[in-house]
PDB file of N, CA and C in Angstrom:
ATOM      1  N   MET A   1     -20.744 -16.000  16.093  1.00  0.00           N
ATOM      2  CA  MET A   1     -20.110 -15.321  14.991  1.00  0.00           C
ATOM      3  C   MET A   1     -19.038 -16.245  14.427  1.00  0.00           C
ATOM      4  N   LYS A   2     -19.026 -16.396  13.115  1.00  0.00           N
ATOM      5  CA  LYS A   2     -17.974 -17.193  12.490  1.00  0.00           C
ATOM      6  C   LYS A   2     -17.107 -16.279  11.629  1.00  0.00           C
ATOM      7  N   LEU A   3     -15.816 -16.520  11.691  1.00  0.00           N
ATOM      8  CA  LEU A   3     -14.834 -15.676  11.035  1.00  0.00           C
ATOM      9  C   LEU A   3     -14.319 -16.326   9.763  1.00  0.00           C
ATOM     10  N   LEU A   4     -14.010 -15.496   8.784  1.00  0.00           N
ATOM     11  CA  LEU A   4     -13.355 -15.948   7.558  1.00  0.00           C
ATOM     12  C   LEU A   4     -12.028 -15.215   7.477  1.00  0.00           C
ATOM     13  N   LEU A   5     -10.935 -15.942   7.672  1.00  0.00           N
ATOM     14  CA  LEU A   5      -9.606 -15.345   7.637  1.00  0.00           C
ATOM     15  C   LEU A   5      -9.138 -15.157   6.210  1.00  0.00           C
ATOM     16  N   ASP A   6      -8.651 -13.976   5.921  1.00  0.00           N
ATOM     17  CA  ASP A   6      -8.131 -13.646   4.600  1.00  0.00           C
ATOM     18  C   ASP A   6      -6.789 -14.338   4.383  1.00  0.00           C
ATOM     19  N   GLU A   7      -6.360 -14.378   3.133  1.00  0.00           N
ATOM     20  CA  GLU A   7      -5.094 -15.032   2.770  1.00  0.00           C
ATOM     21  C   GLU A   7      -3.883 -14.465   3.498  1.00  0.00           C
ATOM     22  N   ASN A   8      -3.961 -13.193   3.871  1.00  0.00           N
ATOM     23  CA  ASN A   8      -2.807 -12.570   4.511  1.00  0.00           C
ATOM     24  C   ASN A   8      -2.679 -12.941   5.985  1.00  0.00           C
ATOM     25  N   LEU A   9      -3.536 -13.832   6.467  1.00  0.00           N
ATOM     26  CA  LEU A   9      -3.467 -14.335   7.839  1.00  0.00           C
ATOM     27  C   LEU A   9      -3.214 -15.838   7.815  1.00  0.00           C
ATOM     28  N   SER A  10      -2.486 -16.314   8.787  1.00  0.00           N
ATOM     29  CA  SER A  10      -2.138 -17.726   8.855  1.00  0.00           C
ATOM     30  C   SER A  10      -3.360 -18.603   9.133  1.00  0.00           C
ATOM     31  N   ARG A  11      -3.410 -19.727   8.434  1.00  0.00           N
ATOM     32  CA  ARG A  11      -4.460 -20.727   8.673  1.00  0.00           C
ATOM     33  C   ARG A  11      -4.376 -21.276  10.096  1.00  0.00           C
ATOM     34  N   ARG A  12      -3.176 -21.259  10.663  1.00  0.00           N
ATOM     35  CA  ARG A  12      -2.966 -21.796  12.006  1.00  0.00           C
ATOM     36  C   ARG A  12      -3.727 -21.018  13.072  1.00  0.00           C
ATOM     37  N   MET A  13      -4.128 -19.802  12.771  1.00  0.00           N
ATOM     38  CA  MET A  13      -4.909 -19.015  13.725  1.00  0.00           C
ATOM     39  C   MET A  13      -6.240 -19.679  14.054  1.00  0.00           C
ATOM     40  N   LEU A  14      -6.747 -20.471  13.135  1.00  0.00           N
ATOM     41  CA  LEU A  14      -8.050 -21.115  13.356  1.00  0.00           C
ATOM     42  C   LEU A  14      -8.049 -21.997  14.595  1.00  0.00           C
ATOM     43  N   GLY A  15      -6.947 -22.682  14.853  1.00  0.00           N
ATOM     44  CA  GLY A  15      -6.875 -23.551  16.023  1.00  0.00           C
ATOM     45  C   GLY A  15      -7.063 -22.793  17.320  1.00  0.00           C
ATOM     46  N   ILE A  16      -6.565 -21.580  17.378  1.00  0.00           N
ATOM     47  CA  ILE A  16      -6.694 -20.748  18.568  1.00  0.00           C
ATOM     48  C   ILE A  16      -8.077 -20.099  18.625  1.00  0.00           C
ATOM     49  N   LEU A  17      -8.600 -19.714  17.472  1.00  0.00           N
ATOM     50  CA  LEU A  17      -9.876 -18.995  17.421  1.00  0.00           C
ATOM     51  C   LEU A  17     -11.098 -19.902  17.533  1.00  0.00           C
ATOM     52  N   GLU A  18     -10.955 -21.160  17.153  1.00  0.00           N
ATOM     53  CA  GLU A  18     -12.096 -22.083  17.089  1.00  0.00           C
ATOM     54  C   GLU A  18     -12.918 -22.172  18.380  1.00  0.00           C
ATOM     55  N   PRO A  19     -12.307 -22.234  19.575  1.00  0.00           N
ATOM     56  CA  PRO A  19     -13.130 -22.309  20.788  1.00  0.00           C
ATOM     57  C   PRO A  19     -14.025 -21.080  20.988  1.00  0.00           C
ATOM     58  N   TYR A  20     -13.611 -19.956  20.459  1.00  0.00           N
ATOM     59  CA  TYR A  20     -14.354 -18.711  20.623  1.00  0.00           C
ATOM     60  C   TYR A  20     -15.284 -18.435  19.435  1.00  0.00           C
ATOM     61  N   PHE A  21     -14.879 -18.894  18.264  1.00  0.00           N
ATOM     62  CA  PHE A  21     -15.616 -18.632  17.029  1.00  0.00           C
ATOM     63  C   PHE A  21     -15.776 -19.927  16.233  1.00  0.00           C
ATOM     64  N   PRO A  22     -16.677 -20.815  16.677  1.00  0.00           N
ATOM     65  CA  PRO A  22     -16.875 -22.087  15.971  1.00  0.00           C
ATOM     66  C   PRO A  22     -17.311 -21.849  14.522  1.00  0.00           C
ATOM     67  N   GLU A  23     -16.987 -22.800  13.673  1.00  0.00           N
ATOM     68  CA  GLU A  23     -17.344 -22.773  12.254  1.00  0.00           C
ATOM     69  C   GLU A  23     -16.575 -21.717  11.465  1.00  0.00           C
ATOM     70  N   SER A  24     -15.536 -21.146  12.063  1.00  0.00           N
ATOM     71  CA  SER A  24     -14.709 -20.193  11.336  1.00  0.00           C
ATOM     72  C   SER A  24     -13.870 -20.934  10.311  1.00  0.00           C
ATOM     73  N   SER A  25     -13.357 -20.191   9.330  1.00  0.00           N
ATOM     74  CA  SER A  25     -12.585 -20.829   8.272  1.00  0.00           C
ATOM     75  C   SER A  25     -11.555 -19.851   7.719  1.00  0.00           C
ATOM     76  N   HIS A  26     -10.819 -20.325   6.759  1.00  0.00           N
ATOM     77  CA  HIS A  26      -9.799 -19.548   6.049  1.00  0.00           C
ATOM     78  C   HIS A  26     -10.176 -19.585   4.575  1.00  0.00           C
ATOM     79  N   VAL A  27      -9.880 -18.520   3.843  1.00  0.00           N
ATOM     80  CA  VAL A  27     -10.279 -18.478   2.430  1.00  0.00           C
ATOM     81  C   VAL A  27      -9.773 -19.687   1.649  1.00  0.00           C
ATOM     82  N   SER A  28      -8.615 -20.202   2.014  1.00  0.00           N
ATOM     83  CA  SER A  28      -8.070 -21.357   1.283  1.00  0.00           C
ATOM     84  C   SER A  28      -8.890 -22.620   1.523  1.00  0.00           C
ATOM     85  N   PHE A  29      -9.609 -22.702   2.639  1.00  0.00           N
ATOM     86  CA  PHE A  29     -10.411 -23.890   2.946  1.00  0.00           C
ATOM     87  C   PHE A  29     -11.800 -23.846   2.312  1.00  0.00           C
ATOM     88  N   VAL A  30     -12.191 -22.694   1.792  1.00  0.00           N
ATOM     89  CA  VAL A  30     -13.515 -22.577   1.164  1.00  0.00           C
ATOM     90  C   VAL A  30     -13.402 -22.325  -0.346  1.00  0.00           C
ATOM     91  N   GLY A  31     -12.231 -22.626  -0.899  1.00  0.00           N
ATOM     92  CA  GLY A  31     -12.039 -22.514  -2.346  1.00  0.00           C
ATOM     93  C   GLY A  31     -11.809 -21.101  -2.847  1.00  0.00           C
ATOM     94  N   LEU A  32     -11.371 -20.201  -1.978  1.00  0.00           N
ATOM     95  CA  LEU A  32     -11.182 -18.815  -2.395  1.00  0.00           C
ATOM     96  C   LEU A  32      -9.720 -18.358  -2.348  1.00  0.00           C
ATOM     97  N   GLU A  33      -8.788 -19.285  -2.313  1.00  0.00           N
ATOM     98  CA  GLU A  33      -7.374 -18.912  -2.334  1.00  0.00           C
ATOM     99  C   GLU A  33      -7.076 -18.228  -3.664  1.00  0.00           C
ATOM    100  N   GLY A  34      -6.490 -17.049  -3.612  1.00  0.00           N
ATOM    101  CA  GLY A  34      -6.181 -16.287  -4.819  1.00  0.00           C
ATOM    102  C   GLY A  34      -7.376 -15.545  -5.399  1.00  0.00           C
ATOM    103  N   ALA A  35      -8.517 -15.570  -4.719  1.00  0.00           N
ATOM    104  CA  ALA A  35      -9.728 -14.913  -5.215  1.00  0.00           C
ATOM    105  C   ALA A  35      -9.630 -13.400  -5.065  1.00  0.00           C
ATOM    106  N   LYS A  36     -10.405 -12.703  -5.858  1.00  0.00           N
ATOM    107  CA  LYS A  36     -10.494 -11.248  -5.752  1.00  0.00           C
ATOM    108  C   LYS A  36     -11.220 -10.885  -4.458  1.00  0.00           C
ATOM    109  N   ASP A  37     -10.910  -9.710  -3.959  1.00  0.00           N
ATOM    110  CA  ASP A  37     -11.556  -9.250  -2.730  1.00  0.00           C
ATOM    111  C   ASP A  37     -13.079  -9.236  -2.872  1.00  0.00           C
ATOM    112  N   THR A  38     -13.575  -8.866  -4.026  1.00  0.00           N
ATOM    113  CA  THR A  38     -15.031  -8.815  -4.229  1.00  0.00           C
ATOM    114  C   THR A  38     -15.658 -10.203  -4.169  1.00  0.00           C
ATOM    115  N   GLU A  39     -14.928 -11.228  -4.607  1.00  0.00           N
ATOM    116  CA  GLU A  39     -15.436 -12.598  -4.516  1.00  0.00           C
ATOM    117  C   GLU A  39     -15.493 -13.052  -3.063  1.00  0.00           C
ATOM    118  N   ILE A  40     -14.466 -12.714  -2.298  1.00  0.00           N
ATOM    119  CA  ILE A  40     -14.438 -13.047  -0.872  1.00  0.00           C
ATOM    120  C   ILE A  40     -15.566 -12.303  -0.159  1.00  0.00           C
ATOM    121  N   TRP A  41     -15.751 -11.045  -0.511  1.00  0.00           N
ATOM    122  CA  TRP A  41     -16.813 -10.220   0.070  1.00  0.00           C
ATOM    123  C   TRP A  41     -18.183 -10.856  -0.163  1.00  0.00           C
ATOM    124  N   SER A  42     -18.437 -11.251  -1.392  1.00  0.00           N
ATOM    125  CA  SER A  42     -19.735 -11.861  -1.730  1.00  0.00           C
ATOM    126  C   SER A  42     -19.948 -13.168  -0.976  1.00  0.00           C
ATOM    127  N   PHE A  43     -18.925 -14.028  -0.969  1.00  0.00           N
ATOM    128  CA  PHE A  43     -19.036 -15.305  -0.270  1.00  0.00           C
ATOM    129  C   PHE A  43     -19.306 -15.090   1.217  1.00  0.00           C
ATOM    130  N   ALA A  44     -18.552 -14.186   1.829  1.00  0.00           N
ATOM    131  CA  ALA A  44     -18.710 -13.935   3.268  1.00  0.00           C
ATOM    132  C   ALA A  44     -20.111 -13.423   3.578  1.00  0.00           C
ATOM    133  N   GLY A  45     -20.620 -12.528   2.762  1.00  0.00           N
ATOM    134  CA  GLY A  45     -21.958 -11.999   2.985  1.00  0.00           C
ATOM    135  C   GLY A  45     -23.036 -13.059   2.849  1.00  0.00           C
ATOM    136  N   GLU A  46     -22.914 -13.907   1.838  1.00  0.00           N
ATOM    137  CA  GLU A  46     -23.892 -14.963   1.590  1.00  0.00           C
ATOM    138  C   GLU A  46     -23.819 -16.074   2.638  1.00  0.00           C
ATOM    139  N   SER A  47     -22.650 -16.270   3.227  1.00  0.00           N
ATOM    140  CA  SER A  47     -22.430 -17.385   4.153  1.00  0.00           C
ATOM    141  C   SER A  47     -22.354 -16.949   5.619  1.00  0.00           C
ATOM    142  N   ASN A  48     -22.688 -15.692   5.890  1.00  0.00           N
ATOM    143  CA  ASN A  48     -22.707 -15.155   7.258  1.00  0.00           C
ATOM    144  C   ASN A  48     -21.363 -15.215   7.975  1.00  0.00           C
ATOM    145  N   PHE A  49     -20.296 -14.898   7.255  1.00  0.00           N
ATOM    146  CA  PHE A  49     -18.967 -14.803   7.843  1.00  0.00           C
ATOM    147  C   PHE A  49     -18.624 -13.342   8.116  1.00  0.00           C
ATOM    148  N   VAL A  50     -17.773 -13.123   9.101  1.00  0.00           N
ATOM    149  CA  VAL A  50     -17.131 -11.834   9.334  1.00  0.00           C
ATOM    150  C   VAL A  50     -15.720 -11.981   8.774  1.00  0.00           C
ATOM    151  N   ILE A  51     -15.322 -11.093   7.886  1.00  0.00           N
ATOM    152  CA  ILE A  51     -13.991 -11.161   7.280  1.00  0.00           C
ATOM    153  C   ILE A  51     -12.965 -10.595   8.260  1.00  0.00           C
ATOM    154  N   VAL A  52     -11.879 -11.338   8.459  1.00  0.00           N
ATOM    155  CA  VAL A  52     -10.757 -10.870   9.266  1.00  0.00           C
ATOM    156  C   VAL A  52      -9.562 -10.746   8.328  1.00  0.00           C
ATOM    157  N   THR A  53      -8.938  -9.582   8.318  1.00  0.00           N
ATOM    158  CA  THR A  53      -7.896  -9.307   7.342  1.00  0.00           C
ATOM    159  C   THR A  53      -6.895  -8.288   7.877  1.00  0.00           C
ATOM    160  N   ARG A  54      -5.823  -8.129   7.154  1.00  0.00           N
ATOM    161  CA  ARG A  54      -4.885  -7.027   7.384  1.00  0.00           C
ATOM    162  C   ARG A  54      -4.932  -6.079   6.191  1.00  0.00           C
ATOM    163  N   ASP A  55      -5.830  -6.330   5.270  1.00  0.00           N
ATOM    164  CA  ASP A  55      -5.948  -5.618   4.002  1.00  0.00           C
ATOM    165  C   ASP A  55      -6.982  -4.494   4.117  1.00  0.00           C
ATOM    166  N   SER A  56      -6.555  -3.268   3.930  1.00  0.00           N
ATOM    167  CA  SER A  56      -7.472  -2.126   4.038  1.00  0.00           C
ATOM    168  C   SER A  56      -8.494  -2.079   2.899  1.00  0.00           C
ATOM    169  N   ASP A  57      -8.275  -2.865   1.842  1.00  0.00           N
ATOM    170  CA  ASP A  57      -9.238  -2.881   0.729  1.00  0.00           C
ATOM    171  C   ASP A  57     -10.622  -3.305   1.200  1.00  0.00           C
ATOM    172  N   PHE A  58     -10.689  -4.186   2.196  1.00  0.00           N
ATOM    173  CA  PHE A  58     -11.987  -4.611   2.701  1.00  0.00           C
ATOM    174  C   PHE A  58     -12.690  -3.489   3.450  1.00  0.00           C
ATOM    175  N   SER A  59     -11.931  -2.594   4.072  1.00  0.00           N
ATOM    176  CA  SER A  59     -12.536  -1.419   4.713  1.00  0.00           C
ATOM    177  C   SER A  59     -13.188  -0.534   3.660  1.00  0.00           C
ATOM    178  N   GLU A  60     -12.537  -0.425   2.526  1.00  0.00           N
ATOM    179  CA  GLU A  60     -13.087   0.374   1.430  1.00  0.00           C
ATOM    180  C   GLU A  60     -14.363  -0.265   0.886  1.00  0.00           C
ATOM    181  N   LEU A  61     -14.372  -1.589   0.765  1.00  0.00           N
ATOM    182  CA  LEU A  61     -15.590  -2.275   0.324  1.00  0.00           C
ATOM    183  C   LEU A  61     -16.717  -2.083   1.331  1.00  0.00           C
ATOM    184  N   ALA A  62     -16.376  -2.121   2.614  1.00  0.00           N
ATOM    185  CA  ALA A  62     -17.381  -1.923   3.662  1.00  0.00           C
ATOM    186  C   ALA A  62     -17.963  -0.513   3.589  1.00  0.00           C
ATOM    187  N   ALA A  63     -17.102   0.472   3.349  1.00  0.00           N
ATOM    188  CA  ALA A  63     -17.576   1.854   3.235  1.00  0.00           C
ATOM    189  C   ALA A  63     -18.447   2.027   1.995  1.00  0.00           C
ATOM    190  N   LEU A  64     -18.107   1.336   0.937  1.00  0.00           N
ATOM    191  CA  LEU A  64     -18.843   1.445  -0.317  1.00  0.00           C
ATOM    192  C   LEU A  64     -20.171   0.701  -0.281  1.00  0.00           C
ATOM    193  N   HIS A  65     -20.162  -0.526   0.242  1.00  0.00           N
ATOM    194  CA  HIS A  65     -21.344  -1.387   0.182  1.00  0.00           C
ATOM    195  C   HIS A  65     -22.082  -1.534   1.505  1.00  0.00           C
ATOM    196  N   GLY A  66     -21.396  -1.308   2.624  1.00  0.00           N
ATOM    197  CA  GLY A  66     -21.998  -1.565   3.925  1.00  0.00           C
ATOM    198  C   GLY A  66     -22.139  -3.058   4.153  1.00  0.00           C
ATOM    199  N   PRO A  67     -22.488  -3.453   5.379  1.00  0.00           N
ATOM    200  CA  PRO A  67     -22.631  -4.885   5.662  1.00  0.00           C
ATOM    201  C   PRO A  67     -23.923  -5.431   5.074  1.00  0.00           C
ATOM    202  N   PRO A  68     -24.106  -6.732   4.964  1.00  0.00           N
ATOM    203  CA  PRO A  68     -23.101  -7.718   5.310  1.00  0.00           C
ATOM    204  C   PRO A  68     -22.065  -7.855   4.210  1.00  0.00           C
ATOM    205  N   PRO A  69     -20.929  -8.412   4.460  1.00  0.00           N
ATOM    206  CA  PRO A  69     -20.442  -8.891   5.741  1.00  0.00           C
ATOM    207  C   PRO A  69     -19.812  -7.770   6.545  1.00  0.00           C
ATOM    208  N   LYS A  70     -19.562  -8.079   7.802  1.00  0.00           N
ATOM    209  CA  LYS A  70     -18.776  -7.180   8.635  1.00  0.00           C
ATOM    210  C   LYS A  70     -17.310  -7.501   8.391  1.00  0.00           C
ATOM    211  N   VAL A  71     -16.446  -6.547   8.733  1.00  0.00           N
ATOM    212  CA  VAL A  71     -15.011  -6.707   8.499  1.00  0.00           C
ATOM    213  C   VAL A  71     -14.242  -6.320   9.761  1.00  0.00           C
ATOM    214  N   ILE A  72     -13.280  -7.149  10.124  1.00  0.00           N
ATOM    215  CA  ILE A  72     -12.335  -6.826  11.189  1.00  0.00           C
ATOM    216  C   ILE A  72     -10.980  -6.659  10.526  1.00  0.00           C
ATOM    217  N   VAL A  73     -10.418  -5.453  10.593  1.00  0.00           N
ATOM    218  CA  VAL A  73      -9.097  -5.188  10.017  1.00  0.00           C
ATOM    219  C   VAL A  73      -8.102  -5.126  11.159  1.00  0.00           C
ATOM    220  N   LEU A  74      -7.141  -6.031  11.138  1.00  0.00           N
ATOM    221  CA  LEU A  74      -6.095  -6.064  12.159  1.00  0.00           C
ATOM    222  C   LEU A  74      -4.982  -5.107  11.747  1.00  0.00           C
ATOM    223  N   GLN A  75      -4.811  -4.075  12.520  1.00  0.00           N
ATOM    224  CA  GLN A  75      -3.758  -3.101  12.244  1.00  0.00           C
ATOM    225  C   GLN A  75      -2.629  -3.343  13.235  1.00  0.00           C
ATOM    226  N   ILE A  76      -1.976  -4.461  13.035  1.00  0.00           N
ATOM    227  CA  ILE A  76      -0.897  -4.898  13.910  1.00  0.00           C
ATOM    228  C   ILE A  76       0.362  -5.014  13.074  1.00  0.00           C
ATOM    229  N   SER A  77       1.463  -4.510  13.608  1.00  0.00           N
ATOM    230  CA  SER A  77       2.723  -4.641  12.879  1.00  0.00           C
ATOM    231  C   SER A  77       3.087  -6.119  12.782  1.00  0.00           C
ATOM    232  N   ASN A  78       4.069  -6.416  11.981  1.00  0.00           N
ATOM    233  CA  ASN A  78       4.474  -7.805  11.789  1.00  0.00           C
ATOM    234  C   ASN A  78       4.746  -8.480  13.122  1.00  0.00           C
ATOM    235  N   CYS A  79       4.045  -9.575  13.340  1.00  0.00           N
ATOM    236  CA  CYS A  79       4.212 -10.334  14.571  1.00  0.00           C
ATOM    237  C   CYS A  79       3.818 -11.778  14.292  1.00  0.00           C
ATOM    238  N   ARG A  80       3.969 -12.614  15.301  1.00  0.00           N
ATOM    239  CA  ARG A  80       3.623 -14.023  15.134  1.00  0.00           C
ATOM    240  C   ARG A  80       2.112 -14.176  14.970  1.00  0.00           C
ATOM    241  N   TRP A  81       1.710 -15.226  14.289  1.00  0.00           N
ATOM    242  CA  TRP A  81       0.286 -15.450  14.038  1.00  0.00           C
ATOM    243  C   TRP A  81      -0.487 -15.613  15.336  1.00  0.00           C
ATOM    244  N   ARG A  82       0.135 -16.186  16.355  1.00  0.00           N
ATOM    245  CA  ARG A  82      -0.549 -16.334  17.654  1.00  0.00           C
ATOM    246  C   ARG A  82      -0.867 -14.969  18.249  1.00  0.00           C
ATOM    247  N   ASP A  83       0.046 -14.029  18.069  1.00  0.00           N
ATOM    248  CA  ASP A  83      -0.166 -12.689  18.601  1.00  0.00           C
ATOM    249  C   ASP A  83      -1.280 -11.956  17.849  1.00  0.00           C
ATOM    250  N   MET A  84      -1.495 -12.305  16.602  1.00  0.00           N
ATOM    251  CA  MET A  84      -2.571 -11.677  15.833  1.00  0.00           C
ATOM    252  C   MET A  84      -3.943 -12.146  16.296  1.00  0.00           C
ATOM    253  N   ALA A  85      -4.035 -13.363  16.773  1.00  0.00           N
ATOM    254  CA  ALA A  85      -5.319 -13.888  17.259  1.00  0.00           C
ATOM    255  C   ALA A  85      -5.692 -13.276  18.598  1.00  0.00           C
ATOM    256  N   SER A  86      -4.720 -12.847  19.351  1.00  0.00           N
ATOM    257  CA  SER A  86      -4.944 -12.359  20.714  1.00  0.00           C
ATOM    258  C   SER A  86      -5.952 -11.215  20.819  1.00  0.00           C
ATOM    259  N   PRO A  87      -5.853 -10.137  20.011  1.00  0.00           N
ATOM    260  CA  PRO A  87      -6.828  -9.053  20.178  1.00  0.00           C
ATOM    261  C   PRO A  87      -8.259  -9.460  19.824  1.00  0.00           C
ATOM    262  N   ILE A  88      -8.403 -10.399  18.908  1.00  0.00           N
ATOM    263  CA  ILE A  88      -9.735 -10.879  18.542  1.00  0.00           C
ATOM    264  C   ILE A  88     -10.348 -11.630  19.723  1.00  0.00           C
ATOM    265  N   ILE A  89      -9.560 -12.491  20.316  1.00  0.00           N
ATOM    266  CA  ILE A  89     -10.036 -13.270  21.472  1.00  0.00           C
ATOM    267  C   ILE A  89     -10.306 -12.344  22.655  1.00  0.00           C
ATOM    268  N   LYS A  90      -9.423 -11.389  22.875  1.00  0.00           N
ATOM    269  CA  LYS A  90      -9.594 -10.465  23.993  1.00  0.00           C
ATOM    270  C   LYS A  90     -10.890  -9.677  23.849  1.00  0.00           C
ATOM    271  N   LYS A  91     -11.156  -9.180  22.667  1.00  0.00           N
ATOM    272  CA  LYS A  91     -12.388  -8.420  22.427  1.00  0.00           C
ATOM    273  C   LYS A  91     -13.605  -9.314  22.651  1.00  0.00           C
ATOM    274  N   HIS A  92     -13.541 -10.536  22.142  1.00  0.00           N
ATOM    275  CA  HIS A  92     -14.643 -11.479  22.303  1.00  0.00           C
ATOM    276  C   HIS A  92     -14.835 -11.835  23.773  1.00  0.00           C
ATOM    277  N   SER A  93     -13.739 -12.055  24.481  1.00  0.00           N
ATOM    278  CA  SER A  93     -13.799 -12.449  25.888  1.00  0.00           C
ATOM    279  C   SER A  93     -14.381 -11.357  26.775  1.00  0.00           C
ATOM    280  N   ASN A  94     -14.292 -10.109  26.333  1.00  0.00           N
ATOM    281  CA  ASN A  94     -14.910  -9.026  27.081  1.00  0.00           C
ATOM    282  C   ASN A  94     -16.440  -9.147  27.054  1.00  0.00           C
ATOM    283  N   HIS A  95     -16.948  -9.884  26.064  1.00  0.00           N
ATOM    284  CA  HIS A  95     -18.393 -10.040  25.907  1.00  0.00           C
ATOM    285  C   HIS A  95     -18.880 -11.396  26.373  1.00  0.00           C
ATOM    286  N   SER A  96     -18.024 -12.425  26.240  1.00  0.00           N
ATOM    287  CA  SER A  96     -18.405 -13.783  26.647  1.00  0.00           C
ATOM    288  C   SER A  96     -17.168 -14.660  26.658  1.00  0.00           C
ATOM    289  N   GLY A  97     -17.309 -15.877  27.158  1.00  0.00           N
ATOM    290  CA  GLY A  97     -16.213 -16.837  27.179  1.00  0.00           C
ATOM    291  C   GLY A  97     -16.239 -17.702  25.938  1.00  0.00           C
ATOM    292  N   PRO A  98     -15.429 -18.770  25.928  1.00  0.00           N
ATOM    293  CA  PRO A  98     -15.426 -19.679  24.786  1.00  0.00           C
ATOM    294  C   PRO A  98     -16.814 -20.285  24.565  1.00  0.00           C
ATOM    295  N   SER A  99     -17.115 -20.557  23.326  1.00  0.00           N
ATOM    296  CA  SER A  99     -18.397 -21.162  22.983  1.00  0.00           C
ATOM    297  C   SER A  99     -18.444 -22.597  23.520  1.00  0.00           C
ATOM    298  N   THR A 100     -19.605 -23.015  23.938  1.00  0.00           N
ATOM    299  CA  THR A 100     -19.767 -24.369  24.447  1.00  0.00           C
ATOM    300  C   THR A 100     -20.513 -25.252  23.469  1.00  0.00           C
ATOM    301  N   THR A 101     -20.658 -24.797  22.236  1.00  0.00           N
ATOM    302  CA  THR A 101     -21.360 -25.602  21.242  1.00  0.00           C
ATOM    303  C   THR A 101     -20.441 -26.565  20.559  1.00  0.00           C
TER     304      THR A 101
END
């Protein structure tokens, strides 16, 4: 599974997430900085990304359109970017360890 981090998440999270989710990216690295949610939605669906965000608008798009793409909405109060990556890794680690690819 590869993740696409929304603008409201730090790009620095990729360094922590990469061992678990290779080929993940941030919207700013794929030319979507400042893009509309619908543009990010379309790109993620076409490119097999799971959107990771703190924005509930993507939940509404998911309810309206259904997958793909899938959406992970982090409902975490303001905290450090490292702490935001933790629940994603923990959930993934319950299913498998870091990727060896």
